[in-house]
Amino acid sequence: MKSCLIVGSDRIGAAGRVLQNIYGVTEIVHWNGRRARPPTCLPKGVCLVIVVVGYVNHNYARRIKKLTNKADIPITYVSRGLSGLKMSV
């Protein structure tokens, strides 16, 4: 089972269908990026991280980048939504 972490944005809408078509993702974990503190670890089993940078502050994005580098998980940055994801593939 492939799972994906989406960081940022309030709603993920049709992300499941788009990610299933592009990457074969079966499960989506969503963090809206409004936490008071940046996370200290990533969820288990995540094989891809997508950061919607229009909805995440710099410190939060920097922390996500460190965690993905440490875990050797690919990370993709999109500006405002999944339309940017389609272009980055």
Protein backbone atom coordinates (compact mmCIF):
# COMPACT_ATOMS: atom_id res chain seq x y z
CA MET A 1 0.00 0.00 0.00
CA LYS A 2 1.42 3.36 -1.03
CA SER A 3 0.61 6.36 1.10
CA CYS A 4 1.22 10.03 0.47
CA LEU A 5 1.48 12.95 2.89
CA ILE A 6 0.03 16.26 1.72
CA VAL A 7 1.19 19.24 3.78
CA GLY A 8 -0.69 22.52 3.46
CA SER A 9 -4.09 23.52 2.09
CA ASP A 10 -7.32 23.31 4.06
CA ARG A 11 -8.99 20.72 1.84
CA ILE A 12 -7.52 18.14 -0.49
CA GLY A 13 -10.62 17.64 -2.66
CA ALA A 14 -9.91 15.41 -5.67
CA ALA A 15 -6.33 14.72 -4.64
CA GLY A 16 -7.01 11.02 -4.16
CA ARG A 17 -7.98 10.43 -7.76
CA VAL A 18 -5.17 12.58 -9.15
CA LEU A 19 -2.50 10.91 -7.00
CA GLN A 20 -3.83 7.45 -7.75
CA ASN A 21 -3.61 8.14 -11.49
CA ILE A 22 -0.13 9.70 -11.37
CA TYR A 23 1.68 7.79 -8.60
CA GLY A 24 -0.54 4.82 -7.75
CA VAL A 25 -1.16 6.15 -4.22
CA THR A 26 -3.85 4.32 -2.25
CA GLU A 27 -3.87 6.27 1.04
CA ILE A 28 -3.58 10.01 1.70
CA VAL A 29 -2.52 11.60 4.98
CA HIS A 30 -3.25 15.33 5.20
CA TRP A 31 -1.65 17.93 7.48
CA ASN A 32 -3.10 21.38 7.00
CA GLY A 33 0.11 23.13 8.12
CA ARG A 34 -1.57 25.20 10.83
CA ARG A 35 0.03 23.46 13.78
CA ALA A 36 1.66 25.64 16.41
CA ARG A 37 4.87 23.59 16.22
CA PRO A 38 6.46 21.89 13.24
CA PRO A 39 6.26 18.07 13.32
CA THR A 40 9.02 15.93 14.79
CA CYS A 41 8.41 12.82 12.68
CA LEU A 42 6.62 11.66 9.55
CA PRO A 43 3.82 9.06 9.55
CA LYS A 44 4.97 5.49 8.99
CA GLY A 45 4.64 4.09 5.50
CA VAL A 46 4.69 7.41 3.65
CA CYS A 47 6.36 7.03 0.25
CA LEU A 48 5.83 10.58 -1.07
CA VAL A 49 5.42 14.04 0.49
CA ILE A 50 3.72 16.91 -1.32
CA VAL A 51 4.06 20.40 0.17
CA VAL A 52 1.58 23.06 -0.95
CA VAL A 53 3.85 26.03 -0.28
CA GLY A 54 1.13 28.67 -0.59
CA TYR A 55 -0.37 27.42 2.67
CA VAL A 56 2.69 26.54 4.80
CA ASN A 57 5.07 28.88 6.60
CA HIS A 58 8.82 28.77 6.02
CA ASN A 59 9.75 27.10 9.30
CA TYR A 60 7.19 24.33 8.79
CA ALA A 61 8.35 23.69 5.21
CA ARG A 62 12.00 23.64 6.30
CA ARG A 63 11.22 21.05 8.99
CA ILE A 64 9.33 18.84 6.53
CA LYS A 65 12.30 19.04 4.15
CA LYS A 66 14.71 17.92 6.90
CA LEU A 67 12.47 15.00 7.86
CA THR A 68 12.09 13.79 4.27
CA ASN A 69 15.82 14.06 3.61
CA LYS A 70 16.56 12.09 6.77
CA ALA A 71 14.05 9.36 5.83
CA ASP A 72 15.06 9.41 2.13
CA ILE A 73 11.48 10.08 0.99
CA PRO A 74 10.84 12.03 -2.23
CA ILE A 75 9.29 15.46 -1.75
CA THR A 76 7.45 17.62 -4.28
CA TYR A 77 6.59 21.28 -3.89
CA VAL A 78 3.54 22.78 -5.59
CA SER A 79 2.57 26.42 -5.43
CA ARG A 80 -1.18 26.46 -4.75
CA GLY A 81 -2.85 23.18 -5.70
CA LEU A 82 -2.74 19.90 -7.57
CA SER A 83 -2.71 21.59 -10.97
CA GLY A 84 0.94 22.37 -10.22
CA LEU A 85 1.50 18.71 -9.41
CA LYS A 86 0.30 17.62 -12.83
CA MET A 87 2.84 19.98 -14.43
CA SER A 88 5.74 18.82 -12.25
CA VAL A 89 5.39 15.16 -13.29
